[in-house]
Amino acid sequence: MSMIMEFVVQLDREHISRMETDAEKITMLPFTGHVESELFTGRILPGGVDVQITNAAGIRHMCARYMFEGTDREGNHCHLFVDNNGYFEPNHEPAPFCTYPVFYTDSRALGEYLHQRRFRAEGHGTAEGVNIRIFDVADE
């Protein structure tokens, strides 16, 4: 397993949205951020959000969706869309937490590689938000 990228995410704490129903708690956490790596370098475009839904049993589903604009490893302008999902047991805050990202990109240099389902992510909390380390797990 090798780390291929690390996303640096800053939460927009002033614009967090919350709602509670009889059965669920929903939290929307907007964010910005960037990545610098050999594979891809870019910044998160406006609209990145982490939606967390906790059900009546206390199980929390986290779904973060966001799009980067930047350059691929060949220096070409491109976009990278991330759909990152994870589940957490009741009252459990793992450190680091584990998620499973899916990537979409318009980069011809990265598409064949990133469109595969071979990645895992670890989230490490920071004072500003979270650093998301992306790993290629095909070697395991």
N, C-alpha and C. Protein backbone atom coordinates (compact mmCIF):
# COMPACT_ATOMS: atom_id res chain seq x y z
N MET A 1 0.86 -1.18 0.00
CA MET A 1 0.00 0.00 0.00
C MET A 1 0.90 1.23 0.00
N SER A 2 0.64 2.14 -0.92
CA SER A 2 1.47 3.34 -1.00
C SER A 2 0.59 4.59 -1.05
N MET A 3 1.04 5.65 -0.37
CA MET A 3 0.31 6.92 -0.39
C MET A 3 0.57 7.61 -1.72
N ILE A 4 -0.50 8.05 -2.39
CA ILE A 4 -0.34 8.71 -3.69
C ILE A 4 -0.62 10.20 -3.64
N MET A 5 -1.43 10.65 -2.66
CA MET A 5 -1.76 12.07 -2.53
C MET A 5 -2.19 12.36 -1.10
N GLU A 6 -2.12 13.63 -0.71
CA GLU A 6 -2.67 14.07 0.56
C GLU A 6 -3.44 15.37 0.34
N PHE A 7 -4.74 15.32 0.62
CA PHE A 7 -5.59 16.50 0.50
C PHE A 7 -5.56 17.27 1.81
N VAL A 8 -5.34 18.57 1.75
CA VAL A 8 -5.38 19.43 2.92
C VAL A 8 -6.71 20.17 2.88
N VAL A 9 -7.58 19.88 3.85
CA VAL A 9 -8.95 20.39 3.85
C VAL A 9 -9.15 21.35 5.01
N GLN A 10 -9.70 22.53 4.72
CA GLN A 10 -10.03 23.52 5.75
C GLN A 10 -11.54 23.66 5.82
N LEU A 11 -12.10 23.38 7.00
CA LEU A 11 -13.54 23.50 7.20
C LEU A 11 -13.96 24.97 7.22
N ASP A 12 -15.13 25.25 6.67
CA ASP A 12 -15.75 26.57 6.74
C ASP A 12 -16.73 26.53 7.91
N ARG A 13 -16.22 26.70 9.13
CA ARG A 13 -17.01 26.53 10.36
C ARG A 13 -18.17 27.51 10.48
N GLU A 14 -18.12 28.63 9.78
CA GLU A 14 -19.19 29.63 9.86
C GLU A 14 -20.43 29.23 9.07
N HIS A 15 -20.31 28.23 8.19
CA HIS A 15 -21.44 27.87 7.34
C HIS A 15 -21.88 26.41 7.48
N ILE A 16 -21.63 25.82 8.63
CA ILE A 16 -22.08 24.45 8.89
C ILE A 16 -23.59 24.47 9.06
N SER A 17 -24.27 23.49 8.42
CA SER A 17 -25.73 23.37 8.52
C SER A 17 -26.07 22.09 9.27
N ARG A 18 -27.11 22.20 10.15
CA ARG A 18 -27.53 21.04 10.93
C ARG A 18 -29.05 20.91 10.90
N MET A 19 -29.51 19.66 10.96
CA MET A 19 -30.93 19.39 11.04
C MET A 19 -31.11 18.08 11.80
N GLU A 20 -32.19 18.01 12.58
CA GLU A 20 -32.53 16.77 13.27
C GLU A 20 -33.97 16.40 12.97
N THR A 21 -34.19 15.12 12.72
CA THR A 21 -35.53 14.59 12.57
C THR A 21 -35.77 13.66 13.76
N ASP A 22 -36.87 12.96 13.74
CA ASP A 22 -37.13 12.00 14.81
C ASP A 22 -36.14 10.83 14.77
N ALA A 23 -35.57 10.56 13.61
CA ALA A 23 -34.72 9.38 13.48
C ALA A 23 -33.27 9.68 13.08
N GLU A 24 -32.98 10.87 12.52
CA GLU A 24 -31.63 11.14 12.03
C GLU A 24 -31.14 12.52 12.47
N LYS A 25 -29.81 12.63 12.44
CA LYS A 25 -29.14 13.92 12.59
C LYS A 25 -28.33 14.11 11.31
N ILE A 26 -28.49 15.28 10.70
CA ILE A 26 -27.79 15.58 9.45
C ILE A 26 -26.93 16.81 9.65
N THR A 27 -25.66 16.69 9.25
CA THR A 27 -24.73 17.81 9.34
C THR A 27 -24.06 17.98 7.98
N MET A 28 -24.03 19.22 7.49
CA MET A 28 -23.35 19.54 6.24
C MET A 28 -22.17 20.46 6.57
N LEU A 29 -20.97 20.00 6.24
CA LEU A 29 -19.74 20.72 6.56
C LEU A 29 -19.08 21.20 5.27
N PRO A 30 -19.23 22.47 4.91
CA PRO A 30 -18.57 22.97 3.71
C PRO A 30 -17.07 23.15 3.95
N PHE A 31 -16.29 23.05 2.87
CA PHE A 31 -14.84 23.16 3.05
C PHE A 31 -14.16 23.62 1.76
N THR A 32 -12.91 24.01 1.93
CA THR A 32 -12.02 24.34 0.83
C THR A 32 -10.75 23.52 1.04
N GLY A 33 -9.79 23.66 0.15
CA GLY A 33 -8.54 22.95 0.36
C GLY A 33 -7.71 22.85 -0.90
N HIS A 34 -6.64 22.06 -0.79
CA HIS A 34 -5.72 21.90 -1.91
C HIS A 34 -4.98 20.57 -1.80
N VAL A 35 -4.27 20.23 -2.86
CA VAL A 35 -3.41 19.06 -2.90
C VAL A 35 -2.19 19.40 -3.75
N GLU A 36 -1.03 18.92 -3.29
CA GLU A 36 0.20 19.01 -4.07
C GLU A 36 0.84 17.64 -4.05
N SER A 37 0.96 17.02 -5.21
CA SER A 37 1.57 15.70 -5.29
C SER A 37 2.19 15.51 -6.67
N GLU A 38 2.94 14.44 -6.85
CA GLU A 38 3.51 14.15 -8.16
C GLU A 38 2.43 13.80 -9.17
N LEU A 39 1.33 13.26 -8.69
CA LEU A 39 0.24 12.83 -9.56
C LEU A 39 -0.63 14.00 -10.02
N PHE A 40 -1.00 14.86 -9.07
CA PHE A 40 -1.95 15.95 -9.33
C PHE A 40 -1.71 17.06 -8.32
N THR A 41 -1.83 18.31 -8.79
CA THR A 41 -1.75 19.49 -7.91
C THR A 41 -2.92 20.39 -8.25
N GLY A 42 -3.65 20.84 -7.21
CA GLY A 42 -4.78 21.71 -7.48
C GLY A 42 -5.46 22.20 -6.22
N ARG A 43 -6.58 22.93 -6.43
CA ARG A 43 -7.34 23.47 -5.32
C ARG A 43 -8.80 23.03 -5.46
N ILE A 44 -9.48 22.94 -4.31
CA ILE A 44 -10.88 22.56 -4.31
C ILE A 44 -11.72 23.74 -4.79
N LEU A 45 -12.60 23.49 -5.73
CA LEU A 45 -13.51 24.52 -6.23
C LEU A 45 -14.65 24.75 -5.23
N PRO A 46 -15.31 25.90 -5.28
CA PRO A 46 -16.43 26.15 -4.37
C PRO A 46 -17.49 25.06 -4.48
N GLY A 47 -18.07 24.69 -3.34
CA GLY A 47 -19.13 23.69 -3.32
C GLY A 47 -18.76 22.39 -2.63
N GLY A 48 -17.51 22.24 -2.19
CA GLY A 48 -17.12 21.02 -1.49
C GLY A 48 -17.88 20.91 -0.18
N VAL A 49 -18.45 19.72 0.08
CA VAL A 49 -19.23 19.54 1.30
C VAL A 49 -19.11 18.10 1.79
N ASP A 50 -19.04 17.96 3.09
CA ASP A 50 -19.05 16.66 3.76
C ASP A 50 -20.42 16.55 4.42
N VAL A 51 -21.25 15.61 3.95
CA VAL A 51 -22.57 15.40 4.53
C VAL A 51 -22.50 14.18 5.44
N GLN A 52 -22.86 14.38 6.69
CA GLN A 52 -22.84 13.30 7.67
C GLN A 52 -24.26 13.06 8.19
N ILE A 53 -24.72 11.82 8.04
CA ILE A 53 -26.06 11.46 8.49
C ILE A 53 -25.92 10.36 9.54
N THR A 54 -26.42 10.64 10.74
CA THR A 54 -26.40 9.66 11.82
C THR A 54 -27.81 9.13 11.98
N ASN A 55 -27.97 7.79 11.88
CA ASN A 55 -29.30 7.20 11.97
C ASN A 55 -29.68 6.93 13.43
N ALA A 56 -30.88 6.41 13.64
CA ALA A 56 -31.40 6.18 14.99
C ALA A 56 -30.54 5.19 15.77
N ALA A 57 -29.84 4.29 15.08
CA ALA A 57 -28.97 3.32 15.76
C ALA A 57 -27.61 3.93 16.11
N GLY A 58 -27.37 5.19 15.70
CA GLY A 58 -26.10 5.85 16.00
C GLY A 58 -25.02 5.62 14.96
N ILE A 59 -25.34 4.93 13.88
CA ILE A 59 -24.36 4.72 12.81
C ILE A 59 -24.32 5.95 11.92
N ARG A 60 -23.12 6.46 11.70
CA ARG A 60 -22.95 7.69 10.93
C ARG A 60 -22.35 7.37 9.56
N HIS A 61 -23.03 7.85 8.51
CA HIS A 61 -22.50 7.76 7.15
C HIS A 61 -21.94 9.11 6.78
N MET A 62 -20.70 9.13 6.31
CA MET A 62 -20.04 10.34 5.86
C MET A 62 -19.85 10.26 4.36
N CYS A 63 -20.27 11.30 3.65
CA CYS A 63 -20.10 11.37 2.20
C CYS A 63 -19.58 12.76 1.85
N ALA A 64 -18.32 12.84 1.47
CA ALA A 64 -17.73 14.11 1.06
C ALA A 64 -17.61 14.11 -0.46
N ARG A 65 -18.10 15.19 -1.07
CA ARG A 65 -18.01 15.34 -2.52
C ARG A 65 -17.41 16.70 -2.83
N TYR A 66 -16.42 16.68 -3.73
CA TYR A 66 -15.74 17.92 -4.05
C TYR A 66 -14.97 17.75 -5.34
N MET A 67 -14.67 18.92 -5.96
CA MET A 67 -13.95 18.92 -7.23
C MET A 67 -12.73 19.82 -7.13
N PHE A 68 -11.62 19.28 -7.57
CA PHE A 68 -10.38 20.05 -7.67
C PHE A 68 -10.23 20.56 -9.10
N GLU A 69 -9.55 21.68 -9.23
CA GLU A 69 -9.08 22.18 -10.52
C GLU A 69 -7.58 22.32 -10.39
N GLY A 70 -6.85 21.83 -11.38
CA GLY A 70 -5.39 21.90 -11.27
C GLY A 70 -4.70 21.33 -12.48
N THR A 71 -3.53 20.72 -12.23
CA THR A 71 -2.73 20.14 -13.31
C THR A 71 -2.36 18.70 -12.97
N ASP A 72 -2.33 17.86 -14.01
CA ASP A 72 -1.95 16.48 -13.81
C ASP A 72 -0.43 16.33 -13.87
N ARG A 73 0.04 15.10 -13.73
CA ARG A 73 1.48 14.84 -13.68
C ARG A 73 2.22 15.24 -14.95
N GLU A 74 1.49 15.45 -16.06
CA GLU A 74 2.11 15.89 -17.30
C GLU A 74 2.01 17.40 -17.49
N GLY A 75 1.44 18.11 -16.50
CA GLY A 75 1.32 19.55 -16.57
C GLY A 75 0.08 20.05 -17.29
N ASN A 76 -0.85 19.16 -17.61
CA ASN A 76 -2.07 19.54 -18.31
C ASN A 76 -3.15 19.99 -17.33
N HIS A 77 -3.89 21.04 -17.72
CA HIS A 77 -5.01 21.52 -16.92
C HIS A 77 -6.08 20.43 -16.87
N CYS A 78 -6.65 20.19 -15.68
CA CYS A 78 -7.68 19.17 -15.56
C CYS A 78 -8.47 19.36 -14.27
N HIS A 79 -9.48 18.51 -14.12
CA HIS A 79 -10.31 18.49 -12.92
C HIS A 79 -10.26 17.09 -12.31
N LEU A 80 -10.47 17.04 -11.02
CA LEU A 80 -10.52 15.77 -10.29
C LEU A 80 -11.71 15.84 -9.34
N PHE A 81 -12.72 15.01 -9.59
CA PHE A 81 -13.90 14.94 -8.73
C PHE A 81 -13.71 13.78 -7.77
N VAL A 82 -14.03 14.02 -6.49
CA VAL A 82 -13.85 13.01 -5.45
C VAL A 82 -15.20 12.74 -4.79
N ASP A 83 -15.54 11.46 -4.67
CA ASP A 83 -16.72 11.00 -3.93
C ASP A 83 -16.18 10.06 -2.86
N ASN A 84 -16.11 10.55 -1.61
CA ASN A 84 -15.43 9.84 -0.54
C ASN A 84 -16.43 9.45 0.54
N ASN A 85 -16.54 8.15 0.82
CA ASN A 85 -17.55 7.63 1.75
C ASN A 85 -16.95 6.80 2.86
N GLY A 86 -17.59 6.86 4.03
CA GLY A 86 -17.19 6.04 5.16
C GLY A 86 -18.33 5.89 6.14
N TYR A 87 -18.23 4.89 7.01
CA TYR A 87 -19.23 4.64 8.05
C TYR A 87 -18.53 4.57 9.39
N PHE A 88 -19.23 5.04 10.42
CA PHE A 88 -18.68 5.06 11.77
C PHE A 88 -19.68 4.43 12.72
N GLU A 89 -19.17 3.59 13.61
CA GLU A 89 -20.02 2.96 14.62
C GLU A 89 -20.50 4.01 15.62
N PRO A 90 -21.57 3.71 16.36
CA PRO A 90 -22.09 4.66 17.35
C PRO A 90 -21.02 5.10 18.35
N ASN A 91 -20.96 6.41 18.58
CA ASN A 91 -20.04 7.02 19.54
C ASN A 91 -18.59 6.65 19.31
N HIS A 92 -18.22 6.40 18.07
CA HIS A 92 -16.86 5.99 17.76
C HIS A 92 -16.21 7.02 16.84
N GLU A 93 -15.14 7.60 17.28
CA GLU A 93 -14.38 8.57 16.48
C GLU A 93 -12.99 8.00 16.24
N PRO A 94 -12.83 7.14 15.24
CA PRO A 94 -11.51 6.56 15.00
C PRO A 94 -10.51 7.62 14.58
N ALA A 95 -9.28 7.44 14.99
CA ALA A 95 -8.21 8.36 14.60
C ALA A 95 -7.02 7.54 14.14
N PRO A 96 -6.69 7.51 12.90
CA PRO A 96 -7.41 8.19 11.81
C PRO A 96 -8.66 7.41 11.42
N PHE A 97 -9.58 8.11 10.72
CA PHE A 97 -10.76 7.43 10.23
C PHE A 97 -10.49 6.95 8.80
N CYS A 98 -11.20 5.92 8.38
CA CYS A 98 -10.98 5.28 7.09
C CYS A 98 -12.18 5.51 6.17
N THR A 99 -11.90 5.86 4.92
CA THR A 99 -12.94 6.05 3.92
C THR A 99 -12.50 5.40 2.61
N TYR A 100 -13.44 5.39 1.66
CA TYR A 100 -13.18 4.75 0.37
C TYR A 100 -13.53 5.72 -0.76
N PRO A 101 -12.52 6.43 -1.27
CA PRO A 101 -12.78 7.42 -2.33
C PRO A 101 -12.94 6.79 -3.70
N VAL A 102 -13.79 7.43 -4.49
CA VAL A 102 -13.94 7.12 -5.92
C VAL A 102 -13.58 8.40 -6.66
N PHE A 103 -12.78 8.28 -7.70
CA PHE A 103 -12.31 9.43 -8.46
C PHE A 103 -12.88 9.45 -9.87
N TYR A 104 -13.11 10.67 -10.36
CA TYR A 104 -13.48 10.93 -11.75
C TYR A 104 -12.59 12.07 -12.22
N THR A 105 -12.03 11.96 -13.39
CA THR A 105 -11.17 13.03 -13.89
C THR A 105 -11.29 13.16 -15.41
N ASP A 106 -11.07 14.39 -15.88
CA ASP A 106 -11.02 14.61 -17.33
C ASP A 106 -9.58 14.60 -17.83
N SER A 107 -8.63 14.20 -16.98
CA SER A 107 -7.23 14.09 -17.37
C SER A 107 -7.00 12.78 -18.12
N ARG A 108 -6.48 12.89 -19.32
CA ARG A 108 -6.14 11.68 -20.08
C ARG A 108 -4.96 10.95 -19.45
N ALA A 109 -4.08 11.69 -18.79
CA ALA A 109 -2.91 11.07 -18.16
C ALA A 109 -3.28 10.30 -16.89
N LEU A 110 -4.36 10.69 -16.21
CA LEU A 110 -4.71 10.08 -14.93
C LEU A 110 -5.94 9.18 -14.97
N GLY A 111 -6.79 9.33 -15.98
CA GLY A 111 -8.07 8.65 -16.01
C GLY A 111 -7.99 7.14 -15.87
N GLU A 112 -7.16 6.50 -16.66
CA GLU A 112 -7.08 5.04 -16.63
C GLU A 112 -6.72 4.53 -15.23
N TYR A 113 -5.83 5.22 -14.56
CA TYR A 113 -5.40 4.83 -13.21
C TYR A 113 -6.45 5.19 -12.15
N LEU A 114 -6.88 6.45 -12.13
CA LEU A 114 -7.76 6.91 -11.04
C LEU A 114 -9.20 6.39 -11.15
N HIS A 115 -9.63 5.97 -12.31
CA HIS A 115 -11.00 5.48 -12.45
C HIS A 115 -11.18 4.05 -11.92
N GLN A 116 -10.11 3.45 -11.44
CA GLN A 116 -10.19 2.12 -10.84
C GLN A 116 -10.66 2.21 -9.39
N ARG A 117 -11.19 1.13 -8.87
CA ARG A 117 -11.65 1.08 -7.47
C ARG A 117 -10.58 0.39 -6.63
N ARG A 118 -9.46 1.10 -6.42
CA ARG A 118 -8.33 0.50 -5.72
C ARG A 118 -7.76 1.42 -4.64
N PHE A 119 -8.58 2.35 -4.13
CA PHE A 119 -8.06 3.36 -3.22
C PHE A 119 -8.76 3.33 -1.86
N ARG A 120 -8.01 3.70 -0.86
CA ARG A 120 -8.51 3.87 0.51
C ARG A 120 -7.94 5.18 1.01
N ALA A 121 -8.67 5.81 1.92
CA ALA A 121 -8.20 7.08 2.47
C ALA A 121 -8.20 7.03 3.99
N GLU A 122 -7.30 7.79 4.57
CA GLU A 122 -7.25 7.98 6.02
C GLU A 122 -7.40 9.46 6.30
N GLY A 123 -8.29 9.80 7.23
CA GLY A 123 -8.48 11.19 7.62
C GLY A 123 -7.79 11.46 8.94
N HIS A 124 -6.97 12.49 8.97
CA HIS A 124 -6.24 12.90 10.17
C HIS A 124 -6.69 14.32 10.52
N GLY A 125 -7.34 14.47 11.66
CA GLY A 125 -7.83 15.78 12.08
C GLY A 125 -6.72 16.78 12.32
N THR A 126 -7.00 18.04 11.97
CA THR A 126 -6.08 19.15 12.22
C THR A 126 -6.89 20.29 12.85
N ALA A 127 -6.22 21.33 13.29
CA ALA A 127 -6.91 22.48 13.88
C ALA A 127 -7.82 23.16 12.85
N GLU A 128 -7.44 23.14 11.56
CA GLU A 128 -8.21 23.80 10.51
C GLU A 128 -9.25 22.89 9.86
N GLY A 129 -9.08 21.59 9.98
CA GLY A 129 -9.98 20.66 9.31
C GLY A 129 -9.48 19.24 9.37
N VAL A 130 -9.01 18.75 8.22
CA VAL A 130 -8.55 17.37 8.15
C VAL A 130 -7.60 17.20 6.97
N ASN A 131 -6.62 16.35 7.13
CA ASN A 131 -5.76 15.95 6.02
C ASN A 131 -6.19 14.56 5.60
N ILE A 132 -6.47 14.39 4.32
CA ILE A 132 -6.94 13.12 3.78
C ILE A 132 -5.79 12.50 2.99
N ARG A 133 -5.27 11.40 3.49
CA ARG A 133 -4.18 10.69 2.80
C ARG A 133 -4.80 9.59 1.94
N ILE A 134 -4.46 9.60 0.66
CA ILE A 134 -5.01 8.65 -0.31
C ILE A 134 -3.98 7.57 -0.57
N PHE A 135 -4.40 6.31 -0.43
CA PHE A 135 -3.52 5.16 -0.63
C PHE A 135 -4.02 4.29 -1.77
N ASP A 136 -3.06 3.75 -2.53
CA ASP A 136 -3.34 2.74 -3.53
C ASP A 136 -3.20 1.40 -2.81
N VAL A 137 -4.29 0.66 -2.69
CA VAL A 137 -4.25 -0.59 -1.94
C VAL A 137 -4.14 -1.82 -2.84
N ALA A 138 -3.89 -1.64 -4.11
CA ALA A 138 -3.78 -2.77 -5.04
C ALA A 138 -2.59 -3.65 -4.70
N ASP A 139 -1.59 -3.13 -3.99
CA ASP A 139 -0.39 -3.90 -3.67
C ASP A 139 -0.59 -4.82 -2.47
N GLU A 140 -1.69 -4.66 -1.74
CA GLU A 140 -1.86 -5.43 -0.49
C GLU A 140 -1.98 -6.89 -0.74
